[in-house]
Amino acid sequence: MTQPAANCPNCGAKIVFRWSSSVQTVCEYCKSILVRTDVDLKKVGQVADLPANSSPIQIGTEGVYNHHALVVVGRIIYEYDQGTWNEWHVVLNNGSAWLSDAQDEYVVTFAAPGRKLPAAGEAQVGQRYTWDNEIYTATTITKAHYCGVEGELPFQYWDKEDVVFVDLMSAGGKFATLDYSDETPALYLGEAVEFDDLKLENLRKFEGW
């Protein structure tokens, strides 16, 4: 399948989308944040220098999740009181997902629209919610700040203020996140995964490896 392509309106560099449904991307040459419209690309901002990153994952990393091939195409970086974490946007041959990468812990989640969700400020640690016949208990509430972005995303996301996330777990080991970065809350459902089980390739190389 031919990958969609266009030219950066800021520097003229060729922009090739790894994922045909991408809405936003970052020019690798001039770091312009570009939003895709029906006919062209529009510059909406500029990426500041990204914070130091110790993750071995990078744009273009490939692997496997639940017998489906995946490739990393984008990243949102958040900063909170314990440091930073990465939300990698990954594309699989059956859709797209998010690979959360924080303190050497990894979680794969998928957007779960259409569920009834608590409004901002209503969710509290210890509260329980049922989605898809699974009971989840809120375990942590994290206030984070958007820190940077790179690669392709399925929505416009840049220059955000503080964001609240509520993490939940089920007795069966399932994982959920309530994302309050927009006026309408979003739910993501998934599970924790072991790094080695993802069989990742094209990882970043560090001195001493």
N, C-alpha and C. Protein backbone atom coordinates (compact mmCIF):
# COMPACT_ATOMS: atom_id res chain seq x y z
N MET A 1 0.85 -1.19 0.00
CA MET A 1 0.00 0.00 0.00
C MET A 1 0.88 1.23 0.00
N THR A 2 0.57 2.22 -0.85
CA THR A 2 1.34 3.44 -0.93
C THR A 2 1.13 4.28 0.32
N GLN A 3 2.24 4.77 0.90
CA GLN A 3 2.14 5.61 2.08
C GLN A 3 1.84 7.05 1.67
N PRO A 4 0.89 7.73 2.35
CA PRO A 4 0.60 9.12 2.02
C PRO A 4 1.84 9.98 2.20
N ALA A 5 2.04 10.97 1.31
CA ALA A 5 3.21 11.83 1.38
C ALA A 5 2.80 13.26 1.07
N ALA A 6 3.57 14.21 1.59
CA ALA A 6 3.35 15.63 1.34
C ALA A 6 4.67 16.34 1.62
N ASN A 7 4.68 17.66 1.48
CA ASN A 7 5.87 18.44 1.77
C ASN A 7 5.63 19.35 2.97
N CYS A 8 6.65 19.50 3.80
CA CYS A 8 6.55 20.37 4.96
C CYS A 8 6.34 21.81 4.49
N PRO A 9 5.30 22.50 4.98
CA PRO A 9 5.07 23.88 4.55
C PRO A 9 6.10 24.85 5.09
N ASN A 10 6.91 24.42 6.04
CA ASN A 10 7.92 25.31 6.62
C ASN A 10 9.26 25.21 5.92
N CYS A 11 9.75 23.98 5.68
CA CYS A 11 11.08 23.82 5.10
C CYS A 11 11.07 23.10 3.76
N GLY A 12 9.93 22.54 3.35
CA GLY A 12 9.82 21.87 2.06
C GLY A 12 10.23 20.42 2.06
N ALA A 13 10.68 19.89 3.21
CA ALA A 13 11.10 18.49 3.27
C ALA A 13 9.92 17.56 2.98
N LYS A 14 10.21 16.42 2.40
CA LYS A 14 9.18 15.44 2.10
C LYS A 14 8.72 14.78 3.40
N ILE A 15 7.42 14.72 3.60
CA ILE A 15 6.82 14.09 4.77
C ILE A 15 6.08 12.84 4.31
N VAL A 16 6.50 11.68 4.80
CA VAL A 16 5.86 10.42 4.46
C VAL A 16 5.21 9.86 5.72
N PHE A 17 3.94 9.57 5.65
CA PHE A 17 3.22 9.04 6.80
C PHE A 17 3.33 7.52 6.83
N ARG A 18 3.76 7.00 7.98
CA ARG A 18 3.80 5.55 8.15
C ARG A 18 2.40 4.97 8.30
N TRP A 19 1.48 5.80 8.81
CA TRP A 19 0.11 5.36 9.09
C TRP A 19 -0.85 6.26 8.36
N SER A 20 -1.71 5.70 7.54
CA SER A 20 -2.57 6.49 6.67
C SER A 20 -3.58 7.33 7.43
N SER A 21 -3.90 6.98 8.68
CA SER A 21 -4.89 7.72 9.46
C SER A 21 -4.27 8.78 10.37
N SER A 22 -2.98 9.04 10.25
CA SER A 22 -2.33 10.04 11.09
C SER A 22 -2.95 11.41 10.87
N VAL A 23 -3.14 12.15 11.96
CA VAL A 23 -3.69 13.50 11.91
C VAL A 23 -2.59 14.54 12.12
N GLN A 24 -1.61 14.22 12.95
CA GLN A 24 -0.53 15.15 13.26
C GLN A 24 0.81 14.45 13.12
N THR A 25 1.82 15.18 12.68
CA THR A 25 3.17 14.65 12.62
C THR A 25 4.16 15.78 12.89
N VAL A 26 5.42 15.41 13.06
CA VAL A 26 6.49 16.38 13.29
C VAL A 26 7.53 16.21 12.19
N CYS A 27 7.89 17.32 11.54
CA CYS A 27 8.93 17.28 10.51
C CYS A 27 10.26 16.91 11.15
N GLU A 28 10.92 15.89 10.63
CA GLU A 28 12.17 15.43 11.20
C GLU A 28 13.30 16.44 10.98
N TYR A 29 13.13 17.36 10.03
CA TYR A 29 14.21 18.29 9.68
C TYR A 29 14.11 19.62 10.43
N CYS A 30 12.93 20.25 10.41
CA CYS A 30 12.80 21.57 11.04
C CYS A 30 12.01 21.53 12.34
N LYS A 31 11.49 20.36 12.71
CA LYS A 31 10.75 20.16 13.96
C LYS A 31 9.43 20.93 14.02
N SER A 32 8.89 21.27 12.86
CA SER A 32 7.57 21.89 12.83
C SER A 32 6.51 20.85 13.18
N ILE A 33 5.51 21.26 13.97
CA ILE A 33 4.36 20.41 14.26
C ILE A 33 3.34 20.64 13.15
N LEU A 34 2.99 19.57 12.44
CA LEU A 34 2.15 19.69 11.25
C LEU A 34 0.84 18.94 11.45
N VAL A 35 -0.26 19.60 11.10
CA VAL A 35 -1.59 19.00 11.16
C VAL A 35 -2.04 18.72 9.75
N ARG A 36 -2.53 17.54 9.53
CA ARG A 36 -2.93 17.10 8.21
C ARG A 36 -4.39 17.47 7.95
N THR A 37 -4.65 18.14 6.83
CA THR A 37 -6.01 18.46 6.40
C THR A 37 -6.34 17.60 5.19
N ASP A 38 -7.47 17.88 4.59
CA ASP A 38 -7.89 17.09 3.42
C ASP A 38 -6.95 17.28 2.24
N VAL A 39 -6.32 18.46 2.14
CA VAL A 39 -5.56 18.75 0.93
C VAL A 39 -4.08 19.03 1.18
N ASP A 40 -3.70 19.42 2.39
CA ASP A 40 -2.30 19.77 2.61
C ASP A 40 -1.94 19.64 4.09
N LEU A 41 -0.75 20.16 4.43
CA LEU A 41 -0.29 20.17 5.81
C LEU A 41 -0.25 21.61 6.30
N LYS A 42 -0.61 21.81 7.55
CA LYS A 42 -0.60 23.14 8.16
C LYS A 42 0.31 23.13 9.38
N LYS A 43 1.23 24.09 9.42
CA LYS A 43 2.11 24.21 10.58
C LYS A 43 1.33 24.86 11.71
N VAL A 44 1.35 24.21 12.91
CA VAL A 44 0.62 24.76 14.04
C VAL A 44 1.53 25.08 15.22
N GLY A 45 2.79 24.67 15.15
CA GLY A 45 3.70 24.93 16.25
C GLY A 45 5.08 24.43 15.95
N GLN A 46 5.93 24.48 16.96
CA GLN A 46 7.32 24.05 16.83
C GLN A 46 7.68 23.22 18.05
N VAL A 47 8.38 22.11 17.83
CA VAL A 47 8.79 21.26 18.94
C VAL A 47 10.01 21.86 19.62
N ALA A 48 9.93 22.04 20.93
CA ALA A 48 11.09 22.46 21.69
C ALA A 48 12.03 21.27 21.85
N ASP A 49 13.24 21.52 22.35
CA ASP A 49 14.16 20.42 22.58
C ASP A 49 13.53 19.40 23.52
N LEU A 50 13.57 18.14 23.13
CA LEU A 50 12.96 17.10 23.94
C LEU A 50 13.87 16.76 25.12
N PRO A 51 13.30 16.34 26.24
CA PRO A 51 14.12 15.98 27.41
C PRO A 51 14.92 14.72 27.13
N ALA A 52 15.98 14.53 27.91
CA ALA A 52 16.80 13.33 27.78
C ALA A 52 15.92 12.10 27.95
N ASN A 53 16.21 11.08 27.16
CA ASN A 53 15.35 9.90 27.13
C ASN A 53 16.20 8.65 27.27
N SER A 54 15.92 7.85 28.29
CA SER A 54 16.71 6.63 28.52
C SER A 54 16.01 5.39 27.98
N SER A 55 14.86 5.57 27.32
CA SER A 55 14.14 4.41 26.80
C SER A 55 14.85 3.85 25.57
N PRO A 56 14.89 2.53 25.45
CA PRO A 56 15.46 1.92 24.24
C PRO A 56 14.52 2.01 23.04
N ILE A 57 13.25 2.33 23.28
CA ILE A 57 12.26 2.43 22.20
C ILE A 57 12.46 3.74 21.46
N GLN A 58 12.20 3.74 20.17
CA GLN A 58 12.31 4.94 19.35
C GLN A 58 11.31 4.84 18.19
N ILE A 59 11.13 5.95 17.48
CA ILE A 59 10.30 5.92 16.28
C ILE A 59 10.89 4.92 15.30
N GLY A 60 10.06 4.01 14.80
CA GLY A 60 10.53 2.97 13.89
C GLY A 60 10.79 1.64 14.56
N THR A 61 10.77 1.58 15.90
CA THR A 61 10.90 0.30 16.59
C THR A 61 9.75 -0.62 16.19
N GLU A 62 10.06 -1.88 15.95
CA GLU A 62 9.04 -2.86 15.55
C GLU A 62 8.99 -3.99 16.55
N GLY A 63 7.83 -4.64 16.63
CA GLY A 63 7.68 -5.74 17.56
C GLY A 63 6.39 -6.50 17.32
N VAL A 64 5.94 -7.20 18.36
CA VAL A 64 4.73 -8.03 18.26
C VAL A 64 3.94 -7.88 19.55
N TYR A 65 2.62 -7.72 19.40
CA TYR A 65 1.73 -7.74 20.56
C TYR A 65 0.52 -8.61 20.23
N ASN A 66 0.30 -9.61 21.06
CA ASN A 66 -0.86 -10.49 20.89
C ASN A 66 -0.94 -11.04 19.46
N HIS A 67 0.19 -11.47 18.95
CA HIS A 67 0.33 -12.08 17.63
C HIS A 67 0.14 -11.10 16.48
N HIS A 68 0.11 -9.80 16.78
CA HIS A 68 -0.01 -8.78 15.74
C HIS A 68 1.28 -7.97 15.65
N ALA A 69 1.78 -7.78 14.44
CA ALA A 69 2.98 -6.97 14.25
C ALA A 69 2.67 -5.52 14.61
N LEU A 70 3.65 -4.83 15.20
CA LEU A 70 3.47 -3.43 15.55
C LEU A 70 4.70 -2.62 15.12
N VAL A 71 4.48 -1.32 14.90
CA VAL A 71 5.58 -0.40 14.62
C VAL A 71 5.28 0.89 15.37
N VAL A 72 6.32 1.47 15.98
CA VAL A 72 6.18 2.72 16.72
C VAL A 72 6.24 3.88 15.74
N VAL A 73 5.20 4.74 15.73
CA VAL A 73 5.16 5.84 14.77
C VAL A 73 5.13 7.22 15.43
N GLY A 74 4.88 7.30 16.74
CA GLY A 74 4.80 8.61 17.39
C GLY A 74 5.01 8.51 18.88
N ARG A 75 5.13 9.69 19.52
CA ARG A 75 5.35 9.70 20.96
C ARG A 75 4.84 11.01 21.57
N ILE A 76 4.17 10.90 22.72
CA ILE A 76 3.89 12.04 23.58
C ILE A 76 4.69 11.84 24.86
N ILE A 77 5.36 12.91 25.32
CA ILE A 77 6.18 12.84 26.52
C ILE A 77 5.51 13.66 27.61
N TYR A 78 5.38 13.05 28.80
CA TYR A 78 4.79 13.73 29.94
C TYR A 78 5.80 13.84 31.08
N GLU A 79 5.70 14.92 31.83
CA GLU A 79 6.54 15.13 33.01
C GLU A 79 5.65 15.18 34.25
N TYR A 80 6.08 14.47 35.30
CA TYR A 80 5.33 14.48 36.56
C TYR A 80 6.32 14.48 37.70
N ASP A 81 5.85 14.34 38.95
CA ASP A 81 6.73 14.55 40.10
C ASP A 81 7.82 13.50 40.23
N GLN A 82 7.70 12.38 39.52
CA GLN A 82 8.73 11.34 39.58
C GLN A 82 9.62 11.31 38.33
N GLY A 83 9.44 12.28 37.44
CA GLY A 83 10.26 12.31 36.24
C GLY A 83 9.42 12.47 34.98
N THR A 84 9.72 11.65 33.98
CA THR A 84 8.95 11.69 32.73
C THR A 84 8.54 10.28 32.33
N TRP A 85 7.54 10.21 31.47
CA TRP A 85 7.23 8.92 30.86
C TRP A 85 6.82 9.15 29.41
N ASN A 86 6.88 8.09 28.62
CA ASN A 86 6.54 8.13 27.20
C ASN A 86 5.23 7.41 26.93
N GLU A 87 4.43 8.00 26.08
CA GLU A 87 3.27 7.31 25.50
C GLU A 87 3.58 7.13 24.02
N TRP A 88 3.97 5.92 23.64
CA TRP A 88 4.32 5.64 22.25
C TRP A 88 3.06 5.27 21.47
N HIS A 89 2.86 5.94 20.35
CA HIS A 89 1.75 5.59 19.47
C HIS A 89 2.22 4.47 18.56
N VAL A 90 1.59 3.32 18.65
CA VAL A 90 1.99 2.16 17.86
C VAL A 90 0.87 1.77 16.92
N VAL A 91 1.26 1.34 15.74
CA VAL A 91 0.29 0.88 14.73
C VAL A 91 0.45 -0.61 14.55
N LEU A 92 -0.67 -1.33 14.65
CA LEU A 92 -0.69 -2.76 14.43
C LEU A 92 -1.45 -3.04 13.14
N ASN A 93 -1.40 -4.29 12.69
CA ASN A 93 -2.12 -4.61 11.46
C ASN A 93 -3.62 -4.74 11.69
N ASN A 94 -4.07 -4.49 12.93
CA ASN A 94 -5.51 -4.47 13.20
C ASN A 94 -5.94 -3.16 13.85
N GLY A 95 -5.15 -2.10 13.72
CA GLY A 95 -5.51 -0.81 14.29
C GLY A 95 -4.32 -0.14 14.95
N SER A 96 -4.57 0.78 15.89
CA SER A 96 -3.49 1.46 16.59
C SER A 96 -3.72 1.39 18.09
N ALA A 97 -2.64 1.60 18.83
CA ALA A 97 -2.70 1.47 20.29
C ALA A 97 -1.64 2.40 20.89
N TRP A 98 -1.52 2.33 22.22
CA TRP A 98 -0.53 3.12 22.94
C TRP A 98 0.32 2.19 23.80
N LEU A 99 1.62 2.43 23.78
CA LEU A 99 2.56 1.68 24.62
C LEU A 99 3.14 2.65 25.64
N SER A 100 2.67 2.55 26.87
CA SER A 100 3.15 3.40 27.95
C SER A 100 4.47 2.85 28.47
N ASP A 101 5.45 3.73 28.63
CA ASP A 101 6.81 3.35 28.98
C ASP A 101 7.26 4.25 30.13
N ALA A 102 7.15 3.72 31.38
CA ALA A 102 7.47 4.52 32.57
C ALA A 102 8.19 3.68 33.60
N GLN A 103 9.38 4.14 33.99
CA GLN A 103 10.15 3.46 35.06
C GLN A 103 10.30 1.96 34.77
N ASP A 104 10.60 1.63 33.51
CA ASP A 104 10.81 0.24 33.08
C ASP A 104 9.56 -0.62 33.23
N GLU A 105 8.40 0.02 33.26
CA GLU A 105 7.14 -0.71 33.25
C GLU A 105 6.40 -0.36 31.96
N TYR A 106 5.76 -1.36 31.36
CA TYR A 106 5.16 -1.19 30.04
C TYR A 106 3.71 -1.65 30.06
N VAL A 107 2.85 -0.84 29.43
CA VAL A 107 1.43 -1.14 29.35
C VAL A 107 0.95 -0.84 27.94
N VAL A 108 0.19 -1.76 27.36
CA VAL A 108 -0.42 -1.55 26.05
C VAL A 108 -1.91 -1.29 26.26
N THR A 109 -2.41 -0.17 25.70
CA THR A 109 -3.83 0.15 25.83
C THR A 109 -4.41 0.56 24.48
N PHE A 110 -5.72 0.39 24.37
CA PHE A 110 -6.46 0.76 23.17
C PHE A 110 -7.57 1.73 23.55
N ALA A 111 -7.85 2.69 22.70
CA ALA A 111 -8.96 3.61 22.94
C ALA A 111 -10.27 2.83 23.06
N ALA A 112 -11.09 3.20 24.06
CA ALA A 112 -12.35 2.50 24.30
C ALA A 112 -13.48 3.51 24.37
N PRO A 113 -13.90 4.04 23.22
CA PRO A 113 -14.97 5.06 23.21
C PRO A 113 -16.32 4.44 23.52
N GLY A 114 -17.28 5.32 23.83
CA GLY A 114 -18.67 4.87 23.99
C GLY A 114 -19.02 4.36 25.37
N ARG A 115 -18.08 4.42 26.34
CA ARG A 115 -18.38 3.98 27.70
C ARG A 115 -18.78 5.17 28.56
N LYS A 116 -19.54 4.91 29.60
CA LYS A 116 -19.89 5.96 30.55
C LYS A 116 -18.72 6.21 31.48
N LEU A 117 -18.26 7.48 31.57
CA LEU A 117 -17.05 7.80 32.32
C LEU A 117 -17.33 8.88 33.36
N PRO A 118 -16.61 8.83 34.48
CA PRO A 118 -16.77 9.89 35.48
C PRO A 118 -16.21 11.21 34.97
N ALA A 119 -16.83 12.30 35.36
CA ALA A 119 -16.35 13.62 34.95
C ALA A 119 -15.06 13.96 35.67
N ALA A 120 -14.35 14.97 35.18
CA ALA A 120 -13.10 15.39 35.80
C ALA A 120 -13.33 15.74 37.27
N GLY A 121 -12.48 15.20 38.14
CA GLY A 121 -12.59 15.48 39.57
C GLY A 121 -13.46 14.50 40.33
N GLU A 122 -14.25 13.70 39.63
CA GLU A 122 -15.15 12.76 40.32
C GLU A 122 -14.43 11.48 40.74
N ALA A 123 -13.52 11.00 39.93
CA ALA A 123 -12.83 9.73 40.23
C ALA A 123 -11.90 9.91 41.42
N GLN A 124 -11.95 8.97 42.34
CA GLN A 124 -11.10 8.97 43.52
C GLN A 124 -10.44 7.60 43.68
N VAL A 125 -9.25 7.58 44.29
CA VAL A 125 -8.57 6.31 44.53
C VAL A 125 -9.48 5.39 45.35
N GLY A 126 -9.59 4.15 44.91
CA GLY A 126 -10.42 3.17 45.59
C GLY A 126 -11.79 2.97 44.96
N GLN A 127 -12.22 3.92 44.14
CA GLN A 127 -13.52 3.76 43.49
C GLN A 127 -13.46 2.68 42.42
N ARG A 128 -14.60 2.06 42.18
CA ARG A 128 -14.67 0.96 41.21
C ARG A 128 -15.58 1.33 40.05
N TYR A 129 -15.20 0.83 38.88
CA TYR A 129 -15.97 1.06 37.66
C TYR A 129 -15.98 -0.24 36.87
N THR A 130 -17.05 -0.47 36.13
CA THR A 130 -17.16 -1.68 35.32
C THR A 130 -17.23 -1.30 33.86
N TRP A 131 -16.29 -1.83 33.08
CA TRP A 131 -16.29 -1.65 31.63
C TRP A 131 -16.06 -3.01 30.98
N ASP A 132 -16.85 -3.34 30.01
CA ASP A 132 -16.73 -4.60 29.29
C ASP A 132 -16.73 -5.79 30.25
N ASN A 133 -17.62 -5.73 31.24
CA ASN A 133 -17.80 -6.82 32.22
C ASN A 133 -16.58 -7.06 33.09
N GLU A 134 -15.69 -6.08 33.17
CA GLU A 134 -14.50 -6.17 34.02
C GLU A 134 -14.58 -5.06 35.06
N ILE A 135 -14.34 -5.41 36.34
CA ILE A 135 -14.39 -4.42 37.41
C ILE A 135 -12.98 -3.85 37.63
N TYR A 136 -12.88 -2.53 37.52
CA TYR A 136 -11.60 -1.85 37.70
C TYR A 136 -11.65 -0.98 38.96
N THR A 137 -10.53 -0.94 39.69
CA THR A 137 -10.40 -0.10 40.87
C THR A 137 -9.36 0.97 40.62
N ALA A 138 -9.71 2.22 40.89
CA ALA A 138 -8.77 3.33 40.70
C ALA A 138 -7.62 3.20 41.71
N THR A 139 -6.39 3.17 41.20
CA THR A 139 -5.21 2.96 42.06
C THR A 139 -4.37 4.22 42.23
N THR A 140 -4.24 5.03 41.18
CA THR A 140 -3.43 6.25 41.28
C THR A 140 -4.06 7.35 40.44
N ILE A 141 -3.88 8.58 40.91
CA ILE A 141 -4.28 9.77 40.15
C ILE A 141 -3.03 10.61 39.96
N THR A 142 -2.68 10.86 38.72
CA THR A 142 -1.43 11.54 38.40
C THR A 142 -1.71 12.84 37.65
N LYS A 143 -1.10 13.93 38.12
CA LYS A 143 -1.14 15.20 37.41
C LYS A 143 0.18 15.37 36.69
N ALA A 144 0.10 15.49 35.38
CA ALA A 144 1.31 15.56 34.56
C ALA A 144 1.25 16.76 33.63
N HIS A 145 2.39 17.08 33.05
CA HIS A 145 2.48 18.21 32.15
C HIS A 145 3.04 17.75 30.81
N TYR A 146 2.37 18.13 29.74
CA TYR A 146 2.87 17.84 28.40
C TYR A 146 4.29 18.38 28.28
N CYS A 147 5.20 17.55 27.76
CA CYS A 147 6.61 17.91 27.72
C CYS A 147 7.17 17.92 26.29
N GLY A 148 6.53 17.24 25.37
CA GLY A 148 7.02 17.21 24.00
C GLY A 148 6.30 16.16 23.18
N VAL A 149 6.54 16.19 21.88
CA VAL A 149 5.88 15.27 20.98
C VAL A 149 6.78 15.04 19.78
N GLU A 150 6.69 13.86 19.19
CA GLU A 150 7.40 13.57 17.95
C GLU A 150 6.64 12.51 17.17
N GLY A 151 6.91 12.44 15.87
CA GLY A 151 6.28 11.42 15.05
C GLY A 151 4.81 11.67 14.80
N GLU A 152 4.10 10.60 14.47
CA GLU A 152 2.70 10.67 14.03
C GLU A 152 1.73 10.31 15.16
N LEU A 153 0.64 11.09 15.22
CA LEU A 153 -0.40 10.86 16.23
C LEU A 153 -1.76 10.78 15.55
N PRO A 154 -2.74 10.13 16.21
CA PRO A 154 -4.08 9.99 15.61
C PRO A 154 -4.97 11.19 15.87
N PHE A 155 -4.44 12.22 16.55
CA PHE A 155 -5.21 13.42 16.86
C PHE A 155 -4.25 14.58 17.03
N GLN A 156 -4.78 15.80 17.07
CA GLN A 156 -3.94 16.97 17.32
C GLN A 156 -3.58 17.02 18.80
N TYR A 157 -2.30 17.13 19.08
CA TYR A 157 -1.86 17.17 20.48
C TYR A 157 -0.53 17.89 20.57
N TRP A 158 -0.56 19.12 21.11
CA TRP A 158 0.68 19.88 21.29
C TRP A 158 0.37 21.07 22.19
N ASP A 159 1.39 21.53 22.91
CA ASP A 159 1.29 22.72 23.75
C ASP A 159 0.16 22.61 24.77
N LYS A 160 0.00 21.43 25.38
CA LYS A 160 -1.04 21.24 26.39
C LYS A 160 -0.57 21.75 27.76
N GLU A 161 -1.54 22.04 28.62
CA GLU A 161 -1.24 22.40 30.00
C GLU A 161 -1.25 21.13 30.85
N ASP A 162 -1.41 21.28 32.18
CA ASP A 162 -1.42 20.12 33.06
C ASP A 162 -2.57 19.17 32.70
N VAL A 163 -2.29 17.90 32.82
CA VAL A 163 -3.24 16.85 32.45
C VAL A 163 -3.40 15.91 33.64
N VAL A 164 -4.63 15.42 33.86
CA VAL A 164 -4.89 14.46 34.93
C VAL A 164 -5.17 13.09 34.33
N PHE A 165 -4.48 12.08 34.87
CA PHE A 165 -4.70 10.69 34.47
C PHE A 165 -5.11 9.89 35.70
N VAL A 166 -6.08 9.00 35.53
CA VAL A 166 -6.47 8.07 36.59
C VAL A 166 -6.17 6.67 36.09
N ASP A 167 -5.31 5.94 36.81
CA ASP A 167 -4.98 4.57 36.46
C ASP A 167 -5.80 3.62 37.31
N LEU A 168 -6.26 2.55 36.65
CA LEU A 168 -7.11 1.56 37.33
C LEU A 168 -6.64 0.16 36.99
N MET A 169 -6.87 -0.76 37.91
CA MET A 169 -6.52 -2.16 37.71
C MET A 169 -7.72 -3.04 38.03
N SER A 170 -7.75 -4.21 37.39
CA SER A 170 -8.78 -5.20 37.71
C SER A 170 -8.15 -6.37 38.44
N ALA A 171 -8.96 -7.15 39.09
CA ALA A 171 -8.45 -8.32 39.81
C ALA A 171 -7.80 -9.31 38.85
N GLY A 172 -8.24 -9.28 37.59
CA GLY A 172 -7.69 -10.19 36.60
C GLY A 172 -6.44 -9.68 35.91
N GLY A 173 -5.91 -8.54 36.36
CA GLY A 173 -4.67 -8.02 35.80
C GLY A 173 -4.84 -7.08 34.63
N LYS A 174 -6.07 -6.71 34.33
CA LYS A 174 -6.29 -5.76 33.25
C LYS A 174 -5.99 -4.34 33.74
N PHE A 175 -5.72 -3.44 32.78
CA PHE A 175 -5.31 -2.08 33.10
C PHE A 175 -6.21 -1.10 32.36
N ALA A 176 -6.52 0.02 33.01
CA ALA A 176 -7.32 1.07 32.38
C ALA A 176 -6.76 2.44 32.76
N THR A 177 -6.93 3.39 31.86
CA THR A 177 -6.55 4.78 32.14
C THR A 177 -7.67 5.70 31.72
N LEU A 178 -8.03 6.62 32.62
CA LEU A 178 -8.93 7.71 32.29
C LEU A 178 -8.06 8.93 32.00
N ASP A 179 -8.25 9.50 30.83
CA ASP A 179 -7.43 10.62 30.35
C ASP A 179 -8.31 11.87 30.30
N TYR A 180 -7.92 12.88 31.09
CA TYR A 180 -8.69 14.12 31.16
C TYR A 180 -7.96 15.28 30.49
N SER A 181 -7.25 14.99 29.40
CA SER A 181 -6.50 16.04 28.71
C SER A 181 -7.40 16.92 27.84
N ASP A 182 -8.63 16.49 27.58
CA ASP A 182 -9.59 17.29 26.84
C ASP A 182 -10.85 17.47 27.67
N GLU A 183 -11.76 18.30 27.19
CA GLU A 183 -13.00 18.54 27.92
C GLU A 183 -13.80 17.26 28.09
N THR A 184 -13.78 16.42 27.08
CA THR A 184 -14.45 15.12 27.16
C THR A 184 -13.44 14.06 27.58
N PRO A 185 -13.63 13.37 28.71
CA PRO A 185 -12.66 12.37 29.14
C PRO A 185 -12.59 11.20 28.15
N ALA A 186 -11.44 10.55 28.13
CA ALA A 186 -11.23 9.39 27.25
C ALA A 186 -10.79 8.20 28.09
N LEU A 187 -11.18 7.02 27.66
CA LEU A 187 -10.85 5.78 28.35
C LEU A 187 -9.97 4.92 27.45
N TYR A 188 -8.94 4.32 28.06
CA TYR A 188 -8.07 3.38 27.36
C TYR A 188 -7.99 2.10 28.18
N LEU A 189 -8.19 0.97 27.52
CA LEU A 189 -8.19 -0.33 28.19
C LEU A 189 -7.08 -1.20 27.64
N GLY A 190 -6.45 -1.97 28.51
CA GLY A 190 -5.37 -2.85 28.05
C GLY A 190 -4.80 -3.68 29.19
N GLU A 191 -3.47 -3.86 29.13
CA GLU A 191 -2.82 -4.71 30.12
C GLU A 191 -1.33 -4.39 30.20
N ALA A 192 -0.74 -4.72 31.35
CA ALA A 192 0.70 -4.61 31.50
C ALA A 192 1.37 -5.70 30.68
N VAL A 193 2.55 -5.41 30.13
CA VAL A 193 3.27 -6.38 29.32
C VAL A 193 4.73 -6.40 29.74
N GLU A 194 5.37 -7.52 29.48
CA GLU A 194 6.81 -7.65 29.72
C GLU A 194 7.56 -7.16 28.48
N PHE A 195 8.63 -6.44 28.71
CA PHE A 195 9.41 -5.88 27.60
C PHE A 195 9.83 -6.97 26.62
N ASP A 196 10.34 -8.08 27.13
CA ASP A 196 10.85 -9.14 26.25
C ASP A 196 9.74 -9.78 25.43
N ASP A 197 8.51 -9.79 25.96
CA ASP A 197 7.40 -10.42 25.24
C ASP A 197 7.02 -9.64 23.99
N LEU A 198 7.38 -8.35 23.93
CA LEU A 198 7.07 -7.54 22.76
C LEU A 198 8.01 -7.82 21.58
N LYS A 199 9.11 -8.52 21.83
CA LYS A 199 10.08 -8.90 20.79
C LYS A 199 10.46 -7.70 19.93
N LEU A 200 10.88 -6.63 20.59
CA LEU A 200 11.16 -5.38 19.90
C LEU A 200 12.49 -5.41 19.16
N GLU A 201 12.49 -4.81 17.97
CA GLU A 201 13.69 -4.67 17.15
C GLU A 201 13.85 -3.21 16.74
N ASN A 202 15.02 -2.88 16.23
CA ASN A 202 15.36 -1.50 15.88
C ASN A 202 15.26 -0.59 17.09
N LEU A 203 15.91 -1.02 18.17
CA LEU A 203 15.95 -0.24 19.41
C LEU A 203 17.12 0.73 19.40
N ARG A 204 17.04 1.72 20.27
CA ARG A 204 18.15 2.67 20.41
C ARG A 204 19.36 1.96 21.00
N LYS A 205 20.52 2.33 20.53
CA LYS A 205 21.76 1.77 21.02
C LYS A 205 22.36 2.70 22.06
N PHE A 206 22.79 2.14 23.18
CA PHE A 206 23.44 2.93 24.23
C PHE A 206 24.88 2.47 24.38
N GLU A 207 25.73 3.39 24.76
CA GLU A 207 27.15 3.05 24.95
C GLU A 207 27.28 1.97 26.02
N GLY A 208 28.02 0.93 25.70
CA GLY A 208 28.22 -0.18 26.63
C GLY A 208 27.36 -1.38 26.33
N TRP A 209 26.37 -1.21 25.40
CA TRP A 209 25.54 -2.36 25.01
C TRP A 209 26.37 -3.32 24.19
